[in-house]
Amino acid sequence: MNFLRRWLVVQFVIGLGAWIPVGAKEAMLVTSIDEFSDDAVLEIFNFDTKSWRSLEKSNKTLPKDPSARAEALKPGSARLIEDHAVLEYELRNGLATELANYPSTLDGSAILEYGDTFCLVGGFDNGEKKLLDSVLCWNPLTIGDLVRPGQINEGAQASGGWIGLPKMTKGRHQPGAVVMDGKLFVAGGYDTLNHDFLTHVEVFDDVSQKWYEIAPLKYPRAGLSLVSLDGKIYAIGGYKNHEYLNVVEMYDPLMNSWKKMSDLNIPRAKFGAVVKANKIFAVGGVKGFRNRDNLKSVEVFFPKENLWRISKWPLTQIRGPVRATLVTDV
C-alpha cells in the first residue's frame, strides 16, 4: 500500500475511536518556536468568543513509554513538534508527554501536519553540513525516535519508527509544505549549496510514488507558509535575502499557474497559518531582525473579497516565530 494511502487508512482507523464531548469547540493553538524565547505558554483562541486563553507549559515533560504506541488524539489534547520532539499536551494543565524525537542537528524543515501524522520536509543537517531533500514522517502507529535522517531509505521504515518518502528532486531549507487532494506540495525554500532562494515547486504523487514539477512561484522565498483552501494552494509571506515579504500567491491546479493575490498588511515569515470557516489565519512571525520585529498580530484572509484584515484579537503573550494548529478544546 502506498505511503499517503496507508496514512489515510491510519487516520480512518484511529479516528473511529475519537469522540467529541458536548460543548467541545475547535480552537486555534499557538506555541513559540523561538529558541531564545521565554514564552513558556500555549495560547488558545476561541473562535466563538473571540478570546485567547493562556496555558502555562509544565516545566517537566513526561518520558514516553518506548514499548507503547501513541493513541488517537483525544479532545482536550494537542500534538506539536517543539524542541526537536513530538509532544502531546493536555490542554487543561499544560502537561506534556514526549512521543518521539529527532536529532537536534536537524534544522529548518517545514513541519507538515496531516491528520495525526507529522512530516519533516527538507531542512539542513548541521551535524553533517548537508542540505536535505528528505521527507520523514511520524504517526501514532509507529514507535520511537529518528536517530539519523540518513538511516531512512526511500519508502522504508527505520527502526526508530519514522517513515521516509522518496526524496525530493531538490534539497531545500525552510520551504513551505501542504497536503491537498492526497498529494504533497512543497514550494520555495533556500538552496544552501547554490545560495539561491527558490521558486521551484514539486508534488509527490502517491500513485506513481514519484515527484513531479509544477509551475514555479512568481516570487522566490523561504520561510513561507503553504495552506490549501477550496481546492487552491496559497503561498504566504516569507523572506528573501534581508527582506521580509508580504507577498501572497494562489495556485490553481486546473490552470497550473500561480496568481498574485492581495498582500498581507504586514510582511511576515516563520508564522503560523490555519484555515477555519473558509478563511486563512496568519499568526505571529517576524518582519525583520530586531526584537521589535517579533510579531503578535493576526491577519485574516477573506477569499471572496481577496482581502487581508488585521484581527482585533492579537496574541496576548507570545511574540515572534510560532507554530499554529487547530485543536478540539474542552
C-alpha atoms as a PDB file:
ATOM      1  CA  MET A   1       0.000   0.000   0.000  1.00  0.00           C
ATOM      2  CA  ASN A   2       1.396   3.421  -0.931  1.00  0.00           C
ATOM      3  CA  PHE A   3       2.526   5.869   1.724  1.00  0.00           C
ATOM      4  CA  LEU A   4      -0.171   8.551   1.760  1.00  0.00           C
ATOM      5  CA  ARG A   5      -2.880   5.975   1.196  1.00  0.00           C
ATOM      6  CA  ARG A   6      -1.520   3.979   4.120  1.00  0.00           C
ATOM      7  CA  TRP A   7      -1.684   7.056   6.322  1.00  0.00           C
ATOM      8  CA  LEU A   8      -5.225   7.803   5.135  1.00  0.00           C
ATOM      9  CA  VAL A   9      -6.204   4.322   6.319  1.00  0.00           C
ATOM     10  CA  VAL A  10      -4.432   5.025   9.602  1.00  0.00           C
ATOM     11  CA  GLN A  11      -6.337   8.286  10.040  1.00  0.00           C
ATOM     12  CA  PHE A  12      -9.634   6.491   9.414  1.00  0.00           C
ATOM     13  CA  VAL A  13      -8.887   3.632  11.795  1.00  0.00           C
ATOM     14  CA  ILE A  14      -7.695   5.743  14.697  1.00  0.00           C
ATOM     15  CA  GLY A  15     -10.479   8.222  14.049  1.00  0.00           C
ATOM     16  CA  LEU A  16     -13.035   5.528  14.837  1.00  0.00           C
ATOM     17  CA  GLY A  17     -12.088   5.805  18.489  1.00  0.00           C
ATOM     18  CA  ALA A  18     -12.342   9.588  18.649  1.00  0.00           C
ATOM     19  CA  TRP A  19     -15.220  11.197  20.460  1.00  0.00           C
ATOM     20  CA  ILE A  20     -16.257  14.831  20.721  1.00  0.00           C
ATOM     21  CA  PRO A  21     -17.806  15.740  24.094  1.00  0.00           C
ATOM     22  CA  VAL A  22     -20.743  18.109  24.311  1.00  0.00           C
ATOM     23  CA  GLY A  23     -19.514  21.686  24.462  1.00  0.00           C
ATOM     24  CA  ALA A  24     -16.160  20.962  22.834  1.00  0.00           C
ATOM     25  CA  LYS A  25     -15.093  23.503  20.227  1.00  0.00           C
ATOM     26  CA  GLU A  26     -12.421  23.690  17.575  1.00  0.00           C
ATOM     27  CA  ALA A  27      -9.861  26.268  18.603  1.00  0.00           C
ATOM     28  CA  MET A  28      -6.529  27.589  17.361  1.00  0.00           C
ATOM     29  CA  LEU A  29      -3.472  26.717  19.425  1.00  0.00           C
ATOM     30  CA  VAL A  30      -0.242  28.712  19.094  1.00  0.00           C
ATOM     31  CA  THR A  31       3.204  27.967  20.518  1.00  0.00           C
ATOM     32  CA  SER A  32       6.512  29.790  20.202  1.00  0.00           C
ATOM     33  CA  ILE A  33       9.252  28.153  18.135  1.00  0.00           C
ATOM     34  CA  ASP A  34      11.837  30.807  19.005  1.00  0.00           C
ATOM     35  CA  GLU A  35      14.733  29.055  20.741  1.00  0.00           C
ATOM     36  CA  PHE A  36      15.591  32.306  22.545  1.00  0.00           C
ATOM     37  CA  SER A  37      12.034  32.976  23.730  1.00  0.00           C
ATOM     38  CA  ASP A  38      10.940  32.845  27.360  1.00  0.00           C
ATOM     39  CA  ASP A  39       7.302  32.310  26.333  1.00  0.00           C
ATOM     40  CA  ALA A  40       6.666  29.035  28.184  1.00  0.00           C
ATOM     41  CA  VAL A  41       2.960  29.177  27.377  1.00  0.00           C
ATOM     42  CA  LEU A  42       0.452  27.943  24.866  1.00  0.00           C
ATOM     43  CA  GLU A  43      -2.150  30.401  23.626  1.00  0.00           C
ATOM     44  CA  ILE A  44      -5.562  29.067  22.619  1.00  0.00           C
ATOM     45  CA  PHE A  45      -8.027  31.141  20.588  1.00  0.00           C
ATOM     46  CA  ASN A  46     -11.771  30.510  20.893  1.00  0.00           C
ATOM     47  CA  PHE A  47     -13.343  31.379  17.541  1.00  0.00           C
ATOM     48  CA  ASP A  48     -16.818  31.758  19.079  1.00  0.00           C
ATOM     49  CA  THR A  49     -15.969  34.126  21.911  1.00  0.00           C
ATOM     50  CA  LYS A  50     -13.094  35.816  20.013  1.00  0.00           C
ATOM     51  CA  SER A  51     -10.818  35.447  23.016  1.00  0.00           C
ATOM     52  CA  TRP A  52      -7.424  33.980  23.906  1.00  0.00           C
ATOM     53  CA  ARG A  53      -6.568  31.963  26.950  1.00  0.00           C
ATOM     54  CA  SER A  54      -3.000  31.277  28.042  1.00  0.00           C
ATOM     55  CA  LEU A  55      -1.892  27.909  29.335  1.00  0.00           C
ATOM     56  CA  GLU A  56       1.421  27.662  31.134  1.00  0.00           C
ATOM     57  CA  LYS A  57       3.530  24.749  29.964  1.00  0.00           C
ATOM     58  CA  SER A  58       4.605  22.309  32.640  1.00  0.00           C
ATOM     59  CA  ASN A  59       8.310  22.619  33.424  1.00  0.00           C
ATOM     60  CA  LYS A  60       8.594  18.838  33.221  1.00  0.00           C
ATOM     61  CA  THR A  61       7.994  16.670  30.166  1.00  0.00           C
ATOM     62  CA  LEU A  62       6.914  13.107  30.844  1.00  0.00           C
ATOM     63  CA  PRO A  63       9.056  10.462  29.133  1.00  0.00           C
ATOM     64  CA  LYS A  64       7.406   8.251  26.569  1.00  0.00           C
ATOM     65  CA  ASP A  65       6.970   4.531  27.056  1.00  0.00           C
ATOM     66  CA  PRO A  66       9.396   3.111  24.472  1.00  0.00           C
ATOM     67  CA  SER A  67       7.285  -0.023  24.037  1.00  0.00           C
ATOM     68  CA  ALA A  68       3.935   1.722  23.594  1.00  0.00           C
ATOM     69  CA  ARG A  69       2.257   3.261  20.612  1.00  0.00           C
ATOM     70  CA  ALA A  70       0.543   6.615  20.925  1.00  0.00           C
ATOM     71  CA  GLU A  71      -3.241   6.611  20.857  1.00  0.00           C
ATOM     72  CA  ALA A  72      -5.589   8.637  18.703  1.00  0.00           C
ATOM     73  CA  LEU A  73      -5.576  12.269  19.747  1.00  0.00           C
ATOM     74  CA  LYS A  74      -8.427  12.981  22.149  1.00  0.00           C
ATOM     75  CA  PRO A  75     -10.370  16.227  22.637  1.00  0.00           C
ATOM     76  CA  GLY A  76      -8.651  18.418  25.178  1.00  0.00           C
ATOM     77  CA  SER A  77      -5.175  17.486  23.974  1.00  0.00           C
ATOM     78  CA  ALA A  78      -2.837  18.681  21.253  1.00  0.00           C
ATOM     79  CA  ARG A  79       0.238  17.387  19.465  1.00  0.00           C
ATOM     80  CA  LEU A  80       3.044  19.701  18.426  1.00  0.00           C
ATOM     81  CA  ILE A  81       6.611  19.497  17.257  1.00  0.00           C
ATOM     82  CA  GLU A  82       8.767  21.512  19.655  1.00  0.00           C
ATOM     83  CA  ASP A  83      12.448  21.349  20.567  1.00  0.00           C
ATOM     84  CA  HIS A  84      13.043  18.509  18.087  1.00  0.00           C
ATOM     85  CA  ALA A  85      10.352  16.323  19.655  1.00  0.00           C
ATOM     86  CA  VAL A  86       6.746  15.283  19.064  1.00  0.00           C
ATOM     87  CA  LEU A  87       4.951  16.398  22.223  1.00  0.00           C
ATOM     88  CA  GLU A  88       1.397  15.771  23.358  1.00  0.00           C
ATOM     89  CA  TYR A  89      -0.056  18.458  25.630  1.00  0.00           C
ATOM     90  CA  GLU A  90      -3.020  18.248  27.955  1.00  0.00           C
ATOM     91  CA  LEU A  91      -4.916  21.489  27.435  1.00  0.00           C
ATOM     92  CA  ARG A  92      -6.252  21.564  30.999  1.00  0.00           C
ATOM     93  CA  ASN A  93      -2.887  21.661  32.768  1.00  0.00           C
ATOM     94  CA  GLY A  94      -0.099  22.130  30.207  1.00  0.00           C
ATOM     95  CA  LEU A  95       1.459  18.749  30.966  1.00  0.00           C
ATOM     96  CA  ALA A  96       3.451  17.350  28.031  1.00  0.00           C
ATOM     97  CA  THR A  97       4.421  13.810  27.086  1.00  0.00           C
ATOM     98  CA  GLU A  98       7.206  13.180  24.600  1.00  0.00           C
ATOM     99  CA  LEU A  99       6.111  10.710  21.926  1.00  0.00           C
ATOM    100  CA  ALA A 100       9.181  10.792  19.682  1.00  0.00           C
ATOM    101  CA  ASN A 101      12.162  12.956  18.887  1.00  0.00           C
ATOM    102  CA  TYR A 102      14.721  13.609  16.199  1.00  0.00           C
ATOM    103  CA  PRO A 103      18.313  14.927  16.169  1.00  0.00           C
ATOM    104  CA  SER A 104      18.940  18.464  17.379  1.00  0.00           C
ATOM    105  CA  THR A 105      21.244  18.913  14.389  1.00  0.00           C
ATOM    106  CA  LEU A 106      18.243  18.891  12.048  1.00  0.00           C
ATOM    107  CA  ASP A 107      17.062  22.449  11.406  1.00  0.00           C
ATOM    108  CA  GLY A 108      14.865  24.398   9.009  1.00  0.00           C
ATOM    109  CA  SER A 109      12.467  21.628   7.978  1.00  0.00           C
ATOM    110  CA  ALA A 110       8.924  22.530   7.025  1.00  0.00           C
ATOM    111  CA  ILE A 111       6.714  20.929   9.679  1.00  0.00           C
ATOM    112  CA  LEU A 112       3.772  19.358   7.902  1.00  0.00           C
ATOM    113  CA  GLU A 113       0.765  18.305   9.970  1.00  0.00           C
ATOM    114  CA  TYR A 114      -1.652  15.953   8.229  1.00  0.00           C
ATOM    115  CA  GLY A 115      -4.250  14.369  10.471  1.00  0.00           C
ATOM    116  CA  ASP A 116      -2.236  12.635  13.188  1.00  0.00           C
ATOM    117  CA  THR A 117       0.872  12.491  11.001  1.00  0.00           C
ATOM    118  CA  PHE A 118       3.823  14.891  11.210  1.00  0.00           C
ATOM    119  CA  CYS A 119       6.395  15.215   8.438  1.00  0.00           C
ATOM    120  CA  LEU A 120       9.768  16.959   8.380  1.00  0.00           C
ATOM    121  CA  VAL A 121      10.190  18.313   4.857  1.00  0.00           C
ATOM    122  CA  GLY A 122      13.681  19.290   3.757  1.00  0.00           C
ATOM    123  CA  GLY A 123      15.898  21.298   6.093  1.00  0.00           C
ATOM    124  CA  PHE A 124      19.592  21.259   6.915  1.00  0.00           C
ATOM    125  CA  ASP A 125      21.648  18.789   8.954  1.00  0.00           C
ATOM    126  CA  ASN A 126      24.091  20.933  10.931  1.00  0.00           C
ATOM    127  CA  GLY A 127      25.991  17.852  12.072  1.00  0.00           C
ATOM    128  CA  GLU A 128      26.772  16.619   8.583  1.00  0.00           C
ATOM    129  CA  LYS A 129      26.624  20.099   6.999  1.00  0.00           C
ATOM    130  CA  LYS A 130      24.155  18.781   4.463  1.00  0.00           C
ATOM    131  CA  LEU A 131      21.145  20.291   2.716  1.00  0.00           C
ATOM    132  CA  LEU A 132      18.270  17.812   2.995  1.00  0.00           C
ATOM    133  CA  ASP A 133      15.973  16.566   0.247  1.00  0.00           C
ATOM    134  CA  SER A 134      14.256  14.094   2.582  1.00  0.00           C
ATOM    135  CA  VAL A 135      10.652  13.857   3.775  1.00  0.00           C
ATOM    136  CA  LEU A 136      10.446  11.998   7.092  1.00  0.00           C
ATOM    137  CA  CYS A 137       7.112  11.258   8.748  1.00  0.00           C
ATOM    138  CA  TRP A 138       5.898  10.112  12.161  1.00  0.00           C
ATOM    139  CA  ASN A 139       2.482   8.670  13.017  1.00  0.00           C
ATOM    140  CA  PRO A 140       0.929   7.343  16.269  1.00  0.00           C
ATOM    141  CA  LEU A 141       1.077   3.793  14.933  1.00  0.00           C
ATOM    142  CA  THR A 142       4.860   3.961  14.709  1.00  0.00           C
ATOM    143  CA  ILE A 143       7.203   3.775  17.687  1.00  0.00           C
ATOM    144  CA  GLY A 144      10.377   5.538  18.595  1.00  0.00           C
ATOM    145  CA  ASP A 145      12.858   8.204  17.626  1.00  0.00           C
ATOM    146  CA  LEU A 146      14.631   9.203  14.472  1.00  0.00           C
ATOM    147  CA  VAL A 147      18.319   8.575  15.059  1.00  0.00           C
ATOM    148  CA  ARG A 148      19.735   9.952  11.813  1.00  0.00           C
ATOM    149  CA  PRO A 149      17.819  11.145   8.728  1.00  0.00           C
ATOM    150  CA  GLY A 150      20.248   9.235   6.517  1.00  0.00           C
ATOM    151  CA  GLN A 151      19.177   5.936   8.074  1.00  0.00           C
ATOM    152  CA  ILE A 152      15.824   6.040   6.319  1.00  0.00           C
ATOM    153  CA  ASN A 153      15.751   4.772   2.764  1.00  0.00           C
ATOM    154  CA  GLU A 154      13.095   5.823   0.300  1.00  0.00           C
ATOM    155  CA  GLY A 155       9.754   4.359   1.249  1.00  0.00           C
ATOM    156  CA  ALA A 156      11.221   2.316   4.102  1.00  0.00           C
ATOM    157  CA  GLN A 157      10.531   2.354   7.818  1.00  0.00           C
ATOM    158  CA  ALA A 158      13.517   2.906  10.078  1.00  0.00           C
ATOM    159  CA  SER A 159      13.948   1.122  13.380  1.00  0.00           C
ATOM    160  CA  GLY A 160      13.116   4.403  15.087  1.00  0.00           C
ATOM    161  CA  GLY A 161       9.572   4.389  13.749  1.00  0.00           C
ATOM    162  CA  TRP A 162       9.817   7.220  11.216  1.00  0.00           C
ATOM    163  CA  ILE A 163       8.823   6.657   7.595  1.00  0.00           C
ATOM    164  CA  GLY A 164      10.766   8.036   4.628  1.00  0.00           C
ATOM    165  CA  LEU A 165       9.113   9.129   1.399  1.00  0.00           C
ATOM    166  CA  PRO A 166      11.076   9.093  -1.849  1.00  0.00           C
ATOM    167  CA  LYS A 167      13.466  12.025  -1.811  1.00  0.00           C
ATOM    168  CA  MET A 168      12.528  15.361  -3.343  1.00  0.00           C
ATOM    169  CA  THR A 169      14.211  16.471  -6.558  1.00  0.00           C
ATOM    170  CA  LYS A 170      15.763  19.424  -4.712  1.00  0.00           C
ATOM    171  CA  GLY A 171      17.120  19.932  -1.240  1.00  0.00           C
ATOM    172  CA  ARG A 172      15.613  22.982   0.415  1.00  0.00           C
ATOM    173  CA  HIS A 173      15.856  24.849   3.722  1.00  0.00           C
ATOM    174  CA  GLN A 174      12.710  26.428   5.215  1.00  0.00           C
ATOM    175  CA  PRO A 175      10.293  25.543   2.386  1.00  0.00           C
ATOM    176  CA  GLY A 176       6.516  25.583   2.605  1.00  0.00           C
ATOM    177  CA  ALA A 177       4.563  22.304   2.523  1.00  0.00           C
ATOM    178  CA  VAL A 178       0.921  21.234   2.472  1.00  0.00           C
ATOM    179  CA  VAL A 179      -1.199  18.204   1.519  1.00  0.00           C
ATOM    180  CA  MET A 180      -4.138  18.718  -0.839  1.00  0.00           C
ATOM    181  CA  ASP A 181      -6.198  16.039  -2.574  1.00  0.00           C
ATOM    182  CA  GLY A 182      -3.867  13.334  -1.273  1.00  0.00           C
ATOM    183  CA  LYS A 183      -0.779  14.950  -2.787  1.00  0.00           C
ATOM    184  CA  LEU A 184       2.130  16.609  -1.013  1.00  0.00           C
ATOM    185  CA  PHE A 185       3.086  20.056  -2.347  1.00  0.00           C
ATOM    186  CA  VAL A 186       6.462  21.604  -1.459  1.00  0.00           C
ATOM    187  CA  ALA A 187       7.349  25.148  -2.531  1.00  0.00           C
ATOM    188  CA  GLY A 188      10.222  27.581  -2.238  1.00  0.00           C
ATOM    189  CA  GLY A 189      12.941  27.412   0.373  1.00  0.00           C
ATOM    190  CA  TYR A 190      16.632  28.210   0.297  1.00  0.00           C
ATOM    191  CA  ASP A 191      19.312  26.244  -1.543  1.00  0.00           C
ATOM    192  CA  THR A 192      22.327  26.464   0.771  1.00  0.00           C
ATOM    193  CA  LEU A 193      24.580  24.867  -1.849  1.00  0.00           C
ATOM    194  CA  ASN A 194      23.997  27.481  -4.541  1.00  0.00           C
ATOM    195  CA  HIS A 195      22.954  30.300  -2.190  1.00  0.00           C
ATOM    196  CA  ASP A 196      19.690  30.631  -4.054  1.00  0.00           C
ATOM    197  CA  PHE A 197      16.142  31.388  -2.935  1.00  0.00           C
ATOM    198  CA  LEU A 198      13.832  29.017  -4.788  1.00  0.00           C
ATOM    199  CA  THR A 199      10.701  29.419  -6.873  1.00  0.00           C
ATOM    200  CA  HIS A 200      10.718  25.676  -7.580  1.00  0.00           C
ATOM    201  CA  VAL A 201       7.553  23.750  -6.636  1.00  0.00           C
ATOM    202  CA  GLU A 202       7.224  19.970  -6.667  1.00  0.00           C
ATOM    203  CA  VAL A 203       4.462  17.499  -5.870  1.00  0.00           C
ATOM    204  CA  PHE A 204       4.604  13.943  -4.548  1.00  0.00           C
ATOM    205  CA  ASP A 205       2.096  11.656  -6.258  1.00  0.00           C
ATOM    206  CA  ASP A 206       1.165   8.701  -4.074  1.00  0.00           C
ATOM    207  CA  VAL A 207       0.065   6.577  -7.038  1.00  0.00           C
ATOM    208  CA  SER A 208       3.283   6.776  -9.034  1.00  0.00           C
ATOM    209  CA  GLN A 209       5.428   7.245  -5.908  1.00  0.00           C
ATOM    210  CA  LYS A 210       7.283   9.977  -7.769  1.00  0.00           C
ATOM    211  CA  TRP A 211       7.854  13.700  -7.501  1.00  0.00           C
ATOM    212  CA  TYR A 212       6.972  15.966 -10.411  1.00  0.00           C
ATOM    213  CA  GLU A 213       7.449  19.666 -11.014  1.00  0.00           C
ATOM    214  CA  ILE A 214       4.609  22.156 -11.417  1.00  0.00           C
ATOM    215  CA  ALA A 215       4.549  25.868 -12.240  1.00  0.00           C
ATOM    216  CA  PRO A 216       7.074  27.819 -10.154  1.00  0.00           C
ATOM    217  CA  LEU A 217       6.285  30.565  -7.697  1.00  0.00           C
ATOM    218  CA  LYS A 218       6.447  34.084  -9.086  1.00  0.00           C
ATOM    219  CA  TYR A 219       8.425  35.224  -6.046  1.00  0.00           C
ATOM    220  CA  PRO A 220      11.435  33.253  -4.736  1.00  0.00           C
ATOM    221  CA  ARG A 221      11.423  32.942  -0.948  1.00  0.00           C
ATOM    222  CA  ALA A 222      11.962  30.848   2.160  1.00  0.00           C
ATOM    223  CA  GLY A 223      10.153  30.843   5.499  1.00  0.00           C
ATOM    224  CA  LEU A 224       6.770  30.936   3.759  1.00  0.00           C
ATOM    225  CA  SER A 225       3.582  29.109   4.717  1.00  0.00           C
ATOM    226  CA  LEU A 226       1.505  26.951   2.374  1.00  0.00           C
ATOM    227  CA  VAL A 227      -2.177  26.298   3.069  1.00  0.00           C
ATOM    228  CA  SER A 228      -4.975  24.783   0.994  1.00  0.00           C
ATOM    229  CA  LEU A 229      -8.433  26.299   0.723  1.00  0.00           C
ATOM    230  CA  ASP A 230     -11.245  25.412  -1.688  1.00  0.00           C
ATOM    231  CA  GLY A 231      -9.027  23.372  -3.982  1.00  0.00           C
ATOM    232  CA  LYS A 232      -6.388  26.104  -4.259  1.00  0.00           C
ATOM    233  CA  ILE A 233      -2.999  26.489  -2.586  1.00  0.00           C
ATOM    234  CA  TYR A 234      -1.863  29.760  -1.055  1.00  0.00           C
ATOM    235  CA  ALA A 235       1.830  30.619  -0.650  1.00  0.00           C
ATOM    236  CA  ILE A 236       2.000  33.299   2.029  1.00  0.00           C
ATOM    237  CA  GLY A 237       4.809  35.588   3.179  1.00  0.00           C
ATOM    238  CA  GLY A 238       8.408  34.527   3.708  1.00  0.00           C
ATOM    239  CA  TYR A 239      11.728  36.264   3.194  1.00  0.00           C
ATOM    240  CA  LYS A 240      14.437  36.704   0.577  1.00  0.00           C
ATOM    241  CA  ASN A 241      17.939  37.813   1.490  1.00  0.00           C
ATOM    242  CA  HIS A 242      17.406  40.549   4.097  1.00  0.00           C
ATOM    243  CA  GLU A 243      13.860  41.429   3.020  1.00  0.00           C
ATOM    244  CA  TYR A 244      10.729  40.115   4.697  1.00  0.00           C
ATOM    245  CA  LEU A 245       7.797  39.735   2.330  1.00  0.00           C
ATOM    246  CA  ASN A 246       4.061  40.382   2.375  1.00  0.00           C
ATOM    247  CA  VAL A 247       3.565  38.550  -0.929  1.00  0.00           C
ATOM    248  CA  VAL A 248       0.671  36.094  -1.361  1.00  0.00           C
ATOM    249  CA  GLU A 249       0.191  33.817  -4.374  1.00  0.00           C
ATOM    250  CA  MET A 250      -2.594  31.357  -5.181  1.00  0.00           C
ATOM    251  CA  TYR A 251      -2.071  28.168  -7.185  1.00  0.00           C
ATOM    252  CA  ASP A 252      -4.866  26.826  -9.384  1.00  0.00           C
ATOM    253  CA  PRO A 253      -4.179  23.147 -10.190  1.00  0.00           C
ATOM    254  CA  LEU A 254      -6.537  23.223 -13.183  1.00  0.00           C
ATOM    255  CA  MET A 255      -4.565  26.040 -14.806  1.00  0.00           C
ATOM    256  CA  ASN A 256      -1.181  25.008 -13.368  1.00  0.00           C
ATOM    257  CA  SER A 257      -0.436  28.640 -12.625  1.00  0.00           C
ATOM    258  CA  TRP A 258       0.141  30.990  -9.706  1.00  0.00           C
ATOM    259  CA  LYS A 259      -1.832  34.209  -9.368  1.00  0.00           C
ATOM    260  CA  LYS A 260      -0.767  37.206  -7.325  1.00  0.00           C
ATOM    261  CA  MET A 261      -3.282  37.899  -4.551  1.00  0.00           C
ATOM    262  CA  SER A 262      -3.702  40.794  -2.144  1.00  0.00           C
ATOM    263  CA  ASP A 263      -0.649  41.354   0.023  1.00  0.00           C
ATOM    264  CA  LEU A 264      -0.503  40.794   3.744  1.00  0.00           C
ATOM    265  CA  ASN A 265      -0.826  44.030   5.687  1.00  0.00           C
ATOM    266  CA  ILE A 266       2.447  43.243   7.466  1.00  0.00           C
ATOM    267  CA  PRO A 267       5.418  41.367   5.980  1.00  0.00           C
ATOM    268  CA  ARG A 268       5.975  38.163   7.924  1.00  0.00           C
ATOM    269  CA  ALA A 269       7.914  34.912   7.872  1.00  0.00           C
ATOM    270  CA  LYS A 270       8.129  31.944  10.243  1.00  0.00           C
ATOM    271  CA  PHE A 271       4.491  32.431  11.228  1.00  0.00           C
ATOM    272  CA  GLY A 272       1.615  30.069  11.913  1.00  0.00           C
ATOM    273  CA  ALA A 273      -1.227  29.590   9.438  1.00  0.00           C
ATOM    274  CA  VAL A 274      -4.516  27.719   9.762  1.00  0.00           C
ATOM    275  CA  VAL A 275      -7.748  27.527   7.779  1.00  0.00           C
ATOM    276  CA  LYS A 276     -11.022  27.929   9.645  1.00  0.00           C
ATOM    277  CA  ALA A 277     -14.538  28.776   8.417  1.00  0.00           C
ATOM    278  CA  ASN A 278     -13.296  29.306   4.851  1.00  0.00           C
ATOM    279  CA  LYS A 279     -10.763  31.894   5.999  1.00  0.00           C
ATOM    280  CA  ILE A 280      -6.981  31.843   6.443  1.00  0.00           C
ATOM    281  CA  PHE A 281      -5.479  32.986   9.741  1.00  0.00           C
ATOM    282  CA  ALA A 282      -1.829  34.140   9.690  1.00  0.00           C
ATOM    283  CA  VAL A 283      -0.463  34.390  13.229  1.00  0.00           C
ATOM    284  CA  GLY A 284       2.691  35.940  14.661  1.00  0.00           C
ATOM    285  CA  GLY A 285       6.030  35.532  12.908  1.00  0.00           C
ATOM    286  CA  VAL A 286       8.792  38.041  12.274  1.00  0.00           C
ATOM    287  CA  LYS A 287       9.105  41.025   9.921  1.00  0.00           C
ATOM    288  CA  GLY A 288      12.778  41.829  10.490  1.00  0.00           C
ATOM    289  CA  PHE A 289      15.878  41.133  12.538  1.00  0.00           C
ATOM    290  CA  ARG A 290      15.254  43.264  15.639  1.00  0.00           C
ATOM    291  CA  ASN A 291      13.387  42.238  18.772  1.00  0.00           C
ATOM    292  CA  ARG A 292      10.691  44.772  17.963  1.00  0.00           C
ATOM    293  CA  ASP A 293      10.115  42.947  14.664  1.00  0.00           C
ATOM    294  CA  ASN A 294       8.706  39.921  16.515  1.00  0.00           C
ATOM    295  CA  LEU A 295       5.005  39.987  15.716  1.00  0.00           C
ATOM    296  CA  LYS A 296       1.954  39.363  17.874  1.00  0.00           C
ATOM    297  CA  SER A 297      -0.561  40.424  15.223  1.00  0.00           C
ATOM    298  CA  VAL A 298      -3.064  38.142  13.493  1.00  0.00           C
ATOM    299  CA  GLU A 299      -4.305  38.659   9.946  1.00  0.00           C
ATOM    300  CA  VAL A 300      -7.374  37.042   8.408  1.00  0.00           C
ATOM    301  CA  PHE A 301      -7.835  36.432   4.671  1.00  0.00           C
ATOM    302  CA  PHE A 302     -11.312  36.584   3.147  1.00  0.00           C
ATOM    303  CA  PRO A 303     -11.032  34.771  -0.218  1.00  0.00           C
ATOM    304  CA  LYS A 304     -14.261  36.087  -1.753  1.00  0.00           C
ATOM    305  CA  GLU A 305     -13.037  39.641  -1.226  1.00  0.00           C
ATOM    306  CA  ASN A 306      -9.370  38.834  -1.844  1.00  0.00           C
ATOM    307  CA  LEU A 307      -8.632  40.890   1.245  1.00  0.00           C
ATOM    308  CA  TRP A 308      -6.484  40.587   4.376  1.00  0.00           C
ATOM    309  CA  ARG A 309      -7.731  42.243   7.550  1.00  0.00           C
ATOM    310  CA  ILE A 310      -5.825  42.758  10.785  1.00  0.00           C
ATOM    311  CA  SER A 311      -7.647  40.928  13.563  1.00  0.00           C
ATOM    312  CA  LYS A 312      -8.774  42.843  16.633  1.00  0.00           C
ATOM    313  CA  TRP A 313      -7.510  39.946  18.734  1.00  0.00           C
ATOM    314  CA  PRO A 314      -3.693  39.673  18.592  1.00  0.00           C
ATOM    315  CA  LEU A 315      -1.672  37.199  20.611  1.00  0.00           C
ATOM    316  CA  THR A 316      -1.557  38.249  24.250  1.00  0.00           C
ATOM    317  CA  GLN A 317       1.828  36.864  25.335  1.00  0.00           C
ATOM    318  CA  ILE A 318       3.691  35.069  22.561  1.00  0.00           C
ATOM    319  CA  ARG A 319       5.705  37.051  20.030  1.00  0.00           C
ATOM    320  CA  GLY A 320       7.797  36.141  17.006  1.00  0.00           C
ATOM    321  CA  PRO A 321       8.227  32.747  15.291  1.00  0.00           C
ATOM    322  CA  VAL A 322       5.295  30.467  16.089  1.00  0.00           C
ATOM    323  CA  ARG A 323       3.555  27.280  15.083  1.00  0.00           C
ATOM    324  CA  ALA A 324      -0.248  27.174  14.921  1.00  0.00           C
ATOM    325  CA  THR A 325      -2.681  24.286  14.679  1.00  0.00           C
ATOM    326  CA  LEU A 326      -6.373  23.556  15.169  1.00  0.00           C
ATOM    327  CA  VAL A 327      -7.367  21.573  18.260  1.00  0.00           C
ATOM    328  CA  THR A 328     -10.549  20.428  19.955  1.00  0.00           C
ATOM    329  CA  ASP A 329     -10.716  22.344  23.223  1.00  0.00           C
ATOM    330  CA  VAL A 330     -12.953  21.338  26.128  1.00  0.00           C
END
